[in-house]
Amino acid sequence: MNSSAVEYSGLFQAILVSLLLTIGTGYLGILIARRVKLMDYPGAAPYKQHKVAMPYAGGIALMLSLSILVLVTGLWQDPDIRKMLISALIIFAFGIWDDYKRLGALPKFIGQLAAAILMVVSGLSIQILESHTFFFGGSGIVYVILDRFLTIFWIVGITNAFNLVDSMDGLAVGLSGWAFTFFALATIESGQHLLSIMSAILVGICLAIFLYNSNPAKMFLGDSGAQTLGFLLAVMAIYYNPLGSYQSSSYLVPILLTGVPIFDTTMVTISRFRRGIPFYKGNRDHTYHRLVALGLDPSRAVFLMHLAALILDCMAFMAVSFTPVWANSVLVLAILVGIGLIIFFEKSIK
């Protein structure tokens, strides 16, 4: 058996084990959430429409399975994985706190900022402004500082984007599952074996949580689950380092992989600004809600958003092999389509 076949076999094992484990931790998470009253009750907010109390168990299942598997597989010994998991626990802790006490925007932002800063202090950073293929390609301290700020902005932004897009059963966890699947395959090609295994573990976890969270849901992701998934994706996107590609082509991979949550957050922010509503206030103005308002049934609306994510994921990894001109043309095309959709959705508001 060649080495490539062994690597793919390891991925399938990781997916299977994490899937089976998370089916168990999902059930356990539901029991824990019910016992400690970690529940989303009907009518808790004007935009909520569920009719029975739902346990916020998705985050519990995610962190239980991920922590167990990182320890058992020895991934904990890798410093990058260890730093990522510790920082993710900060996001999870603040998320659980929010699910239980309904925190305001500031405490949640502080938790996200703390986790992002911890990652930057530990050595993680986007290197776009320092790159010779971007802008001035400088090596001075100003470029280094700006790249660090850009890293924090990216991590906090994507963490929030996945929290905001979690507007319907199965939506956020499905989008995360697609992205982790592509990471699992792409990081094999880039020679990042540990990142491949980590991605495969998260694919299995997302599949199992989707079983519980898809319509009709048996549990909700909550802030603890949605924010943690967004944080992990944001960090892993920075770690991803494709071999033999132009940096001015590969930088768009994380942007397209998280394109649907980015689009949803951008549209909601613009829409609420136009109407004088704080962007962090929950409301029924997300992409999913607008698709349903246009006549799609809930399941088909979720499927359409998953399909859009799949298309963007394919475009992302195809563009890695393109020259910078063609790769950036793909990104520009995606942005233009996004702008057109925002205009369309805004005009459809009655």
Protein backbone atom coordinates (compact mmCIF):
# COMPACT_ATOMS: atom_id res chain seq x y z
CA MET A 1 0.00 0.00 0.00
CA ASN A 2 1.46 3.38 -0.99
CA SER A 3 1.80 6.27 1.45
CA SER A 4 -1.03 8.21 -0.16
CA ALA A 5 -3.46 5.32 0.38
CA VAL A 6 -2.35 5.05 4.02
CA GLU A 7 -3.02 8.78 4.55
CA TYR A 8 -6.50 8.58 3.06
CA SER A 9 -7.22 5.47 5.13
CA GLY A 10 -6.26 7.43 8.25
CA LEU A 11 -8.69 10.17 7.30
CA PHE A 12 -11.58 7.73 6.92
CA GLN A 13 -10.73 6.16 10.29
CA ALA A 14 -10.69 9.58 11.93
CA ILE A 15 -14.07 10.46 10.38
CA LEU A 16 -15.65 7.16 11.46
CA VAL A 17 -14.34 7.23 15.02
CA SER A 18 -15.26 10.89 15.58
CA LEU A 19 -18.71 10.31 14.06
CA LEU A 20 -19.48 7.39 16.38
CA LEU A 21 -18.02 9.13 19.42
CA THR A 22 -20.01 12.32 18.79
CA ILE A 23 -23.26 10.39 18.45
CA GLY A 24 -22.56 9.38 22.05
CA THR A 25 -21.38 12.78 23.28
CA GLY A 26 -24.34 14.40 21.53
CA TYR A 27 -26.76 12.30 23.55
CA LEU A 28 -24.71 12.99 26.69
CA GLY A 29 -24.67 16.70 25.89
CA ILE A 30 -28.46 16.75 25.64
CA LEU A 31 -28.73 15.09 29.07
CA ILE A 32 -26.25 17.55 30.60
CA ALA A 33 -27.97 20.57 29.04
CA ARG A 34 -31.36 19.45 30.29
CA ARG A 35 -30.01 18.75 33.77
CA VAL A 36 -28.37 22.19 34.18
CA LYS A 37 -31.21 24.05 32.39
CA LEU A 38 -28.98 25.07 29.50
CA MET A 39 -32.01 25.49 27.28
CA ASP A 40 -33.41 27.77 24.59
CA TYR A 41 -37.01 28.38 25.62
CA PRO A 42 -39.75 29.36 23.17
CA GLY A 43 -40.34 33.10 23.05
CA ALA A 44 -36.95 33.92 24.59
CA ALA A 45 -36.47 36.45 21.77
CA PRO A 46 -38.91 37.88 19.18
CA TYR A 47 -37.13 36.25 16.24
CA LYS A 48 -37.20 32.72 17.73
CA GLN A 49 -39.95 30.45 16.40
CA HIS A 50 -39.34 27.01 17.91
CA LYS A 51 -42.25 25.71 19.96
CA VAL A 52 -40.51 23.47 22.52
CA ALA A 53 -37.51 24.06 24.77
CA MET A 54 -34.29 22.96 23.04
CA PRO A 55 -31.02 22.02 24.78
CA TYR A 56 -27.90 23.98 23.85
CA ALA A 57 -25.89 20.76 23.51
CA GLY A 58 -24.03 21.18 20.21
CA GLY A 59 -21.06 22.96 21.73
CA ILE A 60 -20.82 20.42 24.54
CA ALA A 61 -20.77 17.51 22.08
CA LEU A 62 -18.20 19.28 19.90
CA MET A 63 -15.72 20.07 22.67
CA LEU A 64 -16.11 16.72 24.44
CA SER A 65 -15.39 14.74 21.26
CA LEU A 66 -12.65 17.06 20.02
CA SER A 67 -10.83 17.10 23.37
CA ILE A 68 -11.02 13.33 23.76
CA LEU A 69 -9.78 12.62 20.23
CA VAL A 70 -6.99 15.19 20.31
CA LEU A 71 -5.71 13.57 23.51
CA VAL A 72 -6.16 9.93 22.39
CA THR A 73 -4.59 10.40 18.95
CA GLY A 74 -1.59 12.30 20.31
CA LEU A 75 -2.43 15.44 18.34
CA TRP A 76 -2.11 17.27 21.65
CA GLN A 77 1.68 16.89 21.38
CA ASP A 78 1.76 19.17 18.36
CA PRO A 79 2.19 22.77 19.62
CA ASP A 80 -0.03 24.28 16.92
CA ILE A 81 -2.92 21.89 17.64
CA ARG A 82 -2.47 22.42 21.38
CA LYS A 83 -2.61 26.22 21.08
CA MET A 84 -5.64 26.01 18.82
CA LEU A 85 -7.55 23.75 21.21
CA ILE A 86 -6.74 25.86 24.28
CA SER A 87 -7.89 29.01 22.49
CA ALA A 88 -11.02 27.22 21.25
CA LEU A 89 -11.82 26.35 24.87
CA ILE A 90 -11.89 30.09 25.64
CA ILE A 91 -14.40 30.62 22.84
CA PHE A 92 -16.43 27.66 24.07
CA ALA A 93 -16.42 28.90 27.68
CA PHE A 94 -17.70 32.35 26.74
CA GLY A 95 -20.22 30.73 24.39
CA ILE A 96 -21.61 28.50 27.14
CA TRP A 97 -21.79 31.53 29.42
CA ASP A 98 -23.76 33.38 26.75
CA ASP A 99 -26.09 30.43 26.14
CA TYR A 100 -26.80 30.25 29.86
CA LYS A 101 -26.96 33.94 30.82
CA ARG A 102 -27.58 35.73 27.48
CA LEU A 103 -24.54 38.00 27.57
CA GLY A 104 -24.39 41.34 25.82
CA ALA A 105 -22.19 41.94 22.77
CA LEU A 106 -19.21 43.31 24.74
CA PRO A 107 -18.47 40.25 26.95
CA LYS A 108 -18.71 37.95 23.91
CA PHE A 109 -16.35 40.22 21.96
CA ILE A 110 -13.88 40.20 24.86
CA GLY A 111 -13.81 36.39 24.83
CA GLN A 112 -13.30 36.27 21.07
CA LEU A 113 -10.59 38.90 21.25
CA ALA A 114 -8.79 37.06 24.07
CA ALA A 115 -8.71 33.81 22.07
CA ALA A 116 -7.54 35.59 18.91
CA ILE A 117 -4.79 37.49 20.76
CA LEU A 118 -3.63 34.25 22.39
CA MET A 119 -3.21 32.69 18.95
CA VAL A 120 -1.29 35.71 17.64
CA VAL A 121 0.96 35.88 20.72
CA SER A 122 1.71 32.18 20.28
CA GLY A 123 2.99 32.84 16.76
CA LEU A 124 0.02 32.54 14.39
CA SER A 125 -0.25 35.32 11.83
CA ILE A 126 -1.48 36.09 8.36
CA GLN A 127 1.46 37.31 6.24
CA ILE A 128 -0.12 39.30 3.46
CA LEU A 129 1.24 42.82 3.94
CA GLU A 130 4.72 41.38 4.57
CA SER A 131 4.58 39.30 1.39
CA HIS A 132 6.46 40.46 -1.70
CA THR A 133 3.48 39.45 -3.83
CA PHE A 134 1.13 41.86 -2.06
CA PHE A 135 1.10 45.62 -1.78
CA PHE A 136 4.61 46.89 -0.94
CA GLY A 137 5.91 43.58 0.40
CA GLY A 138 7.61 45.30 3.28
CA SER A 139 9.53 43.69 6.12
CA GLY A 140 9.36 46.56 8.61
CA ILE A 141 7.66 46.51 11.97
CA VAL A 142 4.64 48.43 10.64
CA TYR A 143 3.81 45.63 8.19
CA VAL A 144 4.25 43.01 10.91
CA ILE A 145 1.91 44.87 13.28
CA LEU A 146 -0.70 45.41 10.57
CA ASP A 147 -0.63 41.70 9.69
CA ARG A 148 -1.17 40.85 13.35
CA PHE A 149 -4.18 43.16 13.52
CA LEU A 150 -5.48 41.63 10.29
CA THR A 151 -5.14 38.17 11.86
CA ILE A 152 -7.17 39.20 14.91
CA PHE A 153 -9.79 40.83 12.68
CA TRP A 154 -10.06 37.65 10.58
CA ILE A 155 -10.42 35.29 13.56
CA VAL A 156 -12.96 37.46 15.40
CA GLY A 157 -14.85 38.18 12.18
CA ILE A 158 -15.22 34.55 11.09
CA THR A 159 -16.08 33.45 14.63
CA ASN A 160 -18.95 35.96 14.61
CA ALA A 161 -19.94 35.13 11.04
CA PHE A 162 -20.64 31.50 11.90
CA ASN A 163 -22.52 32.56 15.01
CA LEU A 164 -24.71 34.90 12.96
CA VAL A 165 -25.34 32.42 10.14
CA ASP A 166 -26.64 29.86 12.65
CA SER A 167 -30.21 30.91 11.92
CA MET A 168 -31.76 27.53 11.08
CA ASP A 169 -31.43 23.88 12.06
CA GLY A 170 -28.43 22.22 10.41
CA LEU A 171 -27.19 25.33 8.61
CA ALA A 172 -24.01 26.38 10.43
CA VAL A 173 -22.84 22.85 11.20
CA GLY A 174 -23.43 21.83 7.57
CA LEU A 175 -21.41 24.77 6.24
CA SER A 176 -18.62 23.90 8.69
CA GLY A 177 -18.68 20.25 7.66
CA TRP A 178 -18.19 21.11 3.98
CA ALA A 179 -15.25 23.41 4.77
CA PHE A 180 -13.54 20.85 7.02
CA THR A 181 -14.00 18.18 4.32
CA PHE A 182 -12.14 20.30 1.78
CA PHE A 183 -9.43 21.08 4.34
CA ALA A 184 -8.99 17.36 5.06
CA LEU A 185 -8.31 16.69 1.37
CA ALA A 186 -6.30 19.82 0.60
CA THR A 187 -3.94 19.48 3.56
CA ILE A 188 -2.93 16.02 2.38
CA GLU A 189 -1.69 17.60 -0.84
CA SER A 190 0.10 20.31 1.13
CA GLY A 191 1.84 17.71 3.32
CA GLN A 192 0.17 18.91 6.53
CA HIS A 193 -0.76 15.47 7.84
CA LEU A 194 -1.73 16.51 11.39
CA LEU A 195 -4.00 19.24 10.02
CA SER A 196 -5.58 16.60 7.75
CA ILE A 197 -6.38 14.36 10.72
CA MET A 198 -7.70 17.32 12.72
CA SER A 199 -9.94 18.28 9.79
CA ALA A 200 -11.18 14.70 9.39
CA ILE A 201 -12.04 14.52 13.09
CA LEU A 202 -14.07 17.70 12.72
CA VAL A 203 -15.85 16.31 9.64
CA GLY A 204 -17.05 13.34 11.70
CA ILE A 205 -18.05 15.59 14.58
CA CYS A 206 -20.04 17.87 12.24
CA LEU A 207 -21.80 14.87 10.65
CA ALA A 208 -22.92 13.57 14.04
CA ILE A 209 -24.03 16.99 15.28
CA PHE A 210 -25.92 17.46 12.00
CA LEU A 211 -27.84 14.29 12.86
CA TYR A 212 -29.09 15.96 16.05
CA ASN A 213 -29.32 19.53 14.73
CA SER A 214 -31.01 19.02 11.34
CA ASN A 215 -34.71 19.80 11.05
CA PRO A 216 -36.52 18.82 13.23
CA ALA A 217 -33.70 19.50 15.67
CA LYS A 218 -33.12 17.62 18.89
CA MET A 219 -30.55 20.16 20.07
CA PHE A 220 -29.19 23.58 19.11
CA LEU A 221 -25.57 24.51 18.47
CA GLY A 222 -25.86 27.64 20.56
CA ASP A 223 -23.14 30.27 20.69
CA SER A 224 -20.83 27.69 22.24
CA GLY A 225 -21.05 25.46 19.18
CA ALA A 226 -21.36 27.97 16.32
CA GLN A 227 -18.61 30.29 17.58
CA THR A 228 -16.23 27.40 18.26
CA LEU A 229 -16.72 25.98 14.76
CA GLY A 230 -16.12 29.42 13.25
CA PHE A 231 -13.01 29.95 15.36
CA LEU A 232 -11.52 26.58 14.41
CA LEU A 233 -12.14 27.23 10.72
CA ALA A 234 -10.58 30.70 10.92
CA VAL A 235 -7.42 29.39 12.59
CA MET A 236 -7.05 26.33 10.37
CA ALA A 237 -7.42 28.53 7.30
CA ILE A 238 -4.34 30.48 8.41
CA TYR A 239 -2.39 27.29 9.12
CA TYR A 240 -3.18 25.92 5.64
CA ASN A 241 -0.12 26.35 3.44
CA PRO A 242 -0.48 24.90 -0.09
CA LEU A 243 2.76 23.79 -1.71
CA GLY A 244 3.91 25.16 -5.05
CA SER A 245 1.21 27.84 -5.32
CA TYR A 246 1.37 31.61 -5.52
CA GLN A 247 0.59 33.27 -2.21
CA SER A 248 -1.38 35.84 -4.16
CA SER A 249 -3.56 32.94 -5.35
CA SER A 250 -3.81 30.84 -2.20
CA TYR A 251 -4.87 33.67 0.11
CA LEU A 252 -8.40 33.55 -1.32
CA VAL A 253 -8.95 29.92 -0.20
CA PRO A 254 -10.09 30.79 3.35
CA ILE A 255 -12.19 33.69 2.05
CA LEU A 256 -14.13 31.48 -0.38
CA LEU A 257 -14.37 28.58 2.10
CA THR A 258 -16.18 30.85 4.53
CA GLY A 259 -17.90 32.80 1.75
CA VAL A 260 -21.50 32.02 2.74
CA PRO A 261 -21.13 33.17 6.39
CA ILE A 262 -19.14 36.22 5.21
CA PHE A 263 -21.91 37.08 2.74
CA ASP A 264 -24.63 36.63 5.36
CA THR A 265 -22.80 38.77 7.93
CA THR A 266 -22.05 41.50 5.38
CA MET A 267 -25.64 41.62 4.15
CA VAL A 268 -27.10 41.66 7.67
CA THR A 269 -24.67 44.40 8.78
CA ILE A 270 -25.48 46.61 5.78
CA SER A 271 -29.20 45.98 6.08
CA ARG A 272 -29.35 46.75 9.79
CA PHE A 273 -27.19 49.86 9.38
CA ARG A 274 -29.61 51.14 6.73
CA ARG A 275 -32.55 50.55 9.05
CA GLY A 276 -30.86 51.88 12.20
CA ILE A 277 -30.75 48.49 13.95
CA PRO A 278 -27.62 47.36 15.91
CA PHE A 279 -25.88 44.66 13.85
CA TYR A 280 -25.47 42.38 16.88
CA LYS A 281 -29.19 42.24 17.66
CA GLY A 282 -30.91 39.00 16.61
CA ASN A 283 -33.47 39.39 13.86
CA ARG A 284 -35.17 37.49 11.05
CA ASP A 285 -33.20 39.16 8.25
CA HIS A 286 -30.56 36.54 7.48
CA THR A 287 -30.06 34.85 4.12
CA TYR A 288 -32.08 31.84 5.24
CA HIS A 289 -35.03 33.98 6.35
CA ARG A 290 -35.02 35.90 3.07
CA LEU A 291 -34.98 32.71 1.01
CA VAL A 292 -37.98 31.41 2.94
CA ALA A 293 -39.73 34.77 2.48
CA LEU A 294 -39.21 34.35 -1.28
CA GLY A 295 -41.15 31.09 -1.19
CA LEU A 296 -38.59 28.34 -0.51
CA ASP A 297 -39.47 25.80 2.15
CA PRO A 298 -37.03 25.69 5.11
CA SER A 299 -35.23 22.48 4.11
CA ARG A 300 -34.71 23.66 0.53
CA ALA A 301 -33.40 27.04 1.75
CA VAL A 302 -30.80 25.30 3.93
CA PHE A 303 -29.88 22.98 1.05
CA LEU A 304 -29.43 25.94 -1.31
CA MET A 305 -27.03 27.62 1.12
CA HIS A 306 -25.08 24.38 1.51
CA LEU A 307 -24.95 24.08 -2.29
CA ALA A 308 -23.59 27.64 -2.57
CA ALA A 309 -20.91 26.75 0.00
CA LEU A 310 -19.97 23.61 -1.96
CA ILE A 311 -19.58 25.65 -5.17
CA LEU A 312 -17.41 28.23 -3.41
CA ASP A 313 -15.31 25.47 -1.79
CA CYS A 314 -14.66 23.91 -5.21
CA MET A 315 -13.76 27.30 -6.67
CA ALA A 316 -11.37 27.96 -3.78
CA PHE A 317 -9.24 24.89 -4.28
CA MET A 318 -9.34 25.12 -8.05
CA ALA A 319 -8.05 28.69 -7.82
CA VAL A 320 -4.99 27.57 -5.81
CA SER A 321 -3.46 26.20 -9.02
CA PHE A 322 -4.33 29.31 -11.05
CA THR A 323 -1.99 32.19 -11.78
CA PRO A 324 -2.62 35.25 -9.58
CA VAL A 325 -4.54 37.06 -12.33
CA TRP A 326 -7.03 34.23 -12.86
CA ALA A 327 -7.26 33.38 -9.16
CA ASN A 328 -8.10 36.96 -8.23
CA SER A 329 -10.57 37.08 -11.11
CA VAL A 330 -12.42 34.22 -9.42
CA LEU A 331 -12.54 36.19 -6.17
CA VAL A 332 -13.71 39.34 -7.93
CA LEU A 333 -16.46 37.34 -9.67
CA ALA A 334 -17.60 35.91 -6.32
CA ILE A 335 -17.63 39.39 -4.77
CA LEU A 336 -19.66 40.84 -7.68
CA VAL A 337 -22.20 38.02 -7.39
CA GLY A 338 -22.39 38.66 -3.65
CA ILE A 339 -22.99 42.39 -4.17
CA GLY A 340 -25.70 41.60 -6.69
CA LEU A 341 -27.42 39.24 -4.26
CA ILE A 342 -27.29 41.79 -1.45
CA ILE A 343 -28.94 44.38 -3.70
CA PHE A 344 -31.56 41.83 -4.74
CA PHE A 345 -32.34 40.76 -1.16
CA GLU A 346 -32.46 44.35 0.08
CA LYS A 347 -34.93 45.30 -2.64
CA SER A 348 -37.09 42.32 -1.74
CA ILE A 349 -37.59 43.57 1.84
CA LYS A 350 -41.11 44.87 2.27
